[in-house]
Amino acid sequence: MSQDIRWKQRFENFERGYLLLRSALDGRTLDQLSQLEQEGVIQRFEYTFELAWKTLKDYLENAGVTLDQITPRAVIKAAFAAKLIDDGQAWIDMLGDRNLMSHTYDCTKFREVVAALKDRYLTKLENMYLLLREQTLET
């Protein structure tokens, strides 16, 4: 399979995840989400973030970028350097929160991460989505 096709297929999966995550948060305040809904949002965030960094990796490789390491942090740094993302620190924070949510079941932390998603992370994921969506339409 060519890299061009691979990143586009990965992007389609990311797009589905991103749109589901966005729909769970659209027009709703944190207080309007039940505990179960917050947990569902966290789950959507975890797999959407996973698809996001892997889509960036595939896109960078397709563009000829050689990555020394294939880790989320290394891909985020390379994507920031390539101007695919505009706020590297927000993406590093997302990575930290994704890792934290994979290993904790603290209700307070859930609320903090859901709030960060709504206030900060969703915009960063949307920026990436729009940029790469435009790339899929051009080719």
Protein backbone atom coordinates (compact mmCIF):
# COMPACT_ATOMS: atom_id res chain seq x y z
CA MET A 1 0.00 0.00 0.00
CA SER A 2 1.43 3.40 -0.90
CA GLN A 3 2.02 5.93 1.85
CA ASP A 4 -0.32 8.39 0.08
CA ILE A 5 -3.22 5.98 0.41
CA ARG A 6 -2.22 4.99 3.95
CA TRP A 7 -2.34 8.49 5.41
CA LYS A 8 -5.66 9.18 3.69
CA GLN A 9 -7.18 6.00 5.06
CA ARG A 10 -5.89 6.84 8.52
CA PHE A 11 -7.30 10.35 8.10
CA GLU A 12 -10.75 8.91 7.33
CA ASN A 13 -10.64 7.01 10.63
CA PHE A 14 -9.45 10.13 12.46
CA GLU A 15 -12.22 12.16 10.84
CA ARG A 16 -14.88 9.76 12.12
CA GLY A 17 -13.41 9.84 15.63
CA TYR A 18 -13.01 13.61 15.66
CA LEU A 19 -16.58 14.20 14.47
CA LEU A 20 -17.94 11.84 17.14
CA LEU A 21 -15.91 13.59 19.83
CA ARG A 22 -17.06 17.00 18.63
CA SER A 23 -20.70 15.93 18.54
CA ALA A 24 -20.50 14.74 22.16
CA LEU A 25 -19.36 18.20 23.27
CA ASP A 26 -21.21 20.53 20.88
CA GLY A 27 -23.54 22.92 22.62
CA ARG A 28 -23.21 21.26 26.01
CA THR A 29 -21.61 22.56 29.15
CA LEU A 30 -19.58 20.36 31.42
CA ASP A 31 -22.38 20.44 33.99
CA GLN A 32 -24.82 19.04 31.42
CA LEU A 33 -22.77 15.86 31.02
CA SER A 34 -23.51 12.97 33.36
CA GLN A 35 -20.62 11.00 34.85
CA LEU A 36 -21.23 8.26 32.27
CA GLU A 37 -21.24 10.80 29.42
CA GLN A 38 -17.98 12.30 30.69
CA GLU A 39 -16.43 8.84 30.70
CA GLY A 40 -17.65 8.34 27.13
CA VAL A 41 -16.11 11.67 26.10
CA ILE A 42 -12.81 10.59 27.65
CA GLN A 43 -12.93 7.31 25.72
CA ARG A 44 -13.61 9.18 22.47
CA PHE A 45 -10.77 11.56 23.28
CA GLU A 46 -8.36 8.68 23.86
CA TYR A 47 -8.97 7.01 20.50
CA THR A 48 -9.26 10.30 18.61
CA PHE A 49 -5.91 11.46 19.96
CA GLU A 50 -4.38 8.09 19.06
CA LEU A 51 -5.67 8.41 15.50
CA ALA A 52 -4.54 12.05 15.33
CA TRP A 53 -0.88 11.43 16.08
CA LYS A 54 -0.79 8.35 13.84
CA THR A 55 -2.38 10.33 11.00
CA LEU A 56 0.26 13.02 11.47
CA LYS A 57 2.96 10.32 11.40
CA ASP A 58 1.65 8.84 8.15
CA TYR A 59 1.27 12.28 6.58
CA LEU A 60 4.82 13.27 7.53
CA GLU A 61 6.25 10.02 6.20
CA ASN A 62 4.32 10.50 2.96
CA ALA A 63 5.84 14.00 2.70
CA GLY A 64 9.32 12.49 3.00
CA VAL A 65 10.03 13.35 6.62
CA THR A 66 12.21 10.76 8.31
CA LEU A 67 11.31 10.26 11.94
CA ASP A 68 14.09 9.11 14.26
CA GLN A 69 11.53 7.67 16.66
CA ILE A 70 7.93 6.64 16.16
CA THR A 71 6.45 7.92 19.41
CA PRO A 72 3.61 10.38 19.93
CA ARG A 73 6.00 12.98 21.38
CA ALA A 74 8.44 12.70 18.45
CA VAL A 75 5.61 12.92 15.92
CA ILE A 76 4.13 15.97 17.68
CA LYS A 77 7.52 17.71 17.57
CA ALA A 78 7.94 16.89 13.87
CA ALA A 79 4.38 18.01 13.07
CA PHE A 80 4.98 21.29 14.89
CA ALA A 81 8.25 21.81 13.00
CA ALA A 82 6.40 21.11 9.71
CA LYS A 83 3.67 23.61 10.74
CA LEU A 84 0.94 20.95 10.68
CA ILE A 85 0.01 21.93 14.21
CA ASP A 86 0.29 25.41 15.66
CA ASP A 87 0.56 24.81 19.39
CA GLY A 88 3.03 22.09 20.24
CA GLN A 89 2.54 22.56 23.98
CA ALA A 90 -1.21 21.97 23.73
CA TRP A 91 -0.51 18.72 21.89
CA ILE A 92 2.05 17.65 24.51
CA ASP A 93 -0.55 18.45 27.18
CA MET A 94 -3.11 16.37 25.26
CA LEU A 95 -0.64 13.49 25.22
CA GLY A 96 -0.15 13.80 28.97
CA ASP A 97 -3.89 13.86 29.60
CA ARG A 98 -4.49 10.92 27.28
CA ASN A 99 -1.85 8.94 29.17
CA LEU A 100 -3.28 9.99 32.52
CA MET A 101 -6.82 9.00 31.54
CA SER A 102 -5.63 5.57 30.44
CA HIS A 103 -4.41 4.87 33.98
CA THR A 104 -6.74 6.72 36.36
CA TYR A 105 -10.39 6.60 37.23
CA ASP A 106 -10.51 9.76 39.31
CA CYS A 107 -13.77 11.70 38.77
CA THR A 108 -12.07 15.03 39.44
CA LYS A 109 -9.43 14.32 36.79
CA PHE A 110 -12.16 13.27 34.33
CA ARG A 111 -13.85 16.64 34.78
CA GLU A 112 -10.54 18.50 34.38
CA VAL A 113 -9.69 16.68 31.15
CA VAL A 114 -13.21 17.08 29.75
CA ALA A 115 -12.97 20.81 30.53
CA ALA A 116 -9.57 21.01 28.78
CA LEU A 117 -11.04 19.16 25.83
CA LYS A 118 -13.90 21.61 25.53
CA ASP A 119 -11.85 24.74 26.22
CA ARG A 120 -8.57 23.94 24.48
CA TYR A 121 -7.98 20.57 22.85
CA LEU A 122 -10.99 20.34 20.57
CA THR A 123 -9.87 23.49 18.74
CA LYS A 124 -6.40 22.04 18.20
CA LEU A 125 -7.85 18.79 16.86
CA GLU A 126 -10.18 20.80 14.62
CA ASN A 127 -7.29 22.84 13.21
CA MET A 128 -5.46 19.63 12.32
CA TYR A 129 -8.64 18.12 10.89
CA LEU A 130 -9.32 21.12 8.63
CA LEU A 131 -5.72 21.31 7.39
CA LEU A 132 -5.51 17.62 6.50
CA ARG A 133 -9.05 17.54 5.12
CA GLU A 134 -7.99 20.26 2.70
CA GLN A 135 -4.98 18.13 1.72
CA THR A 136 -7.19 15.12 0.97
CA LEU A 137 -9.38 17.28 -1.30
CA GLU A 138 -6.39 18.66 -3.22
CA THR A 139 -4.96 15.28 -4.16
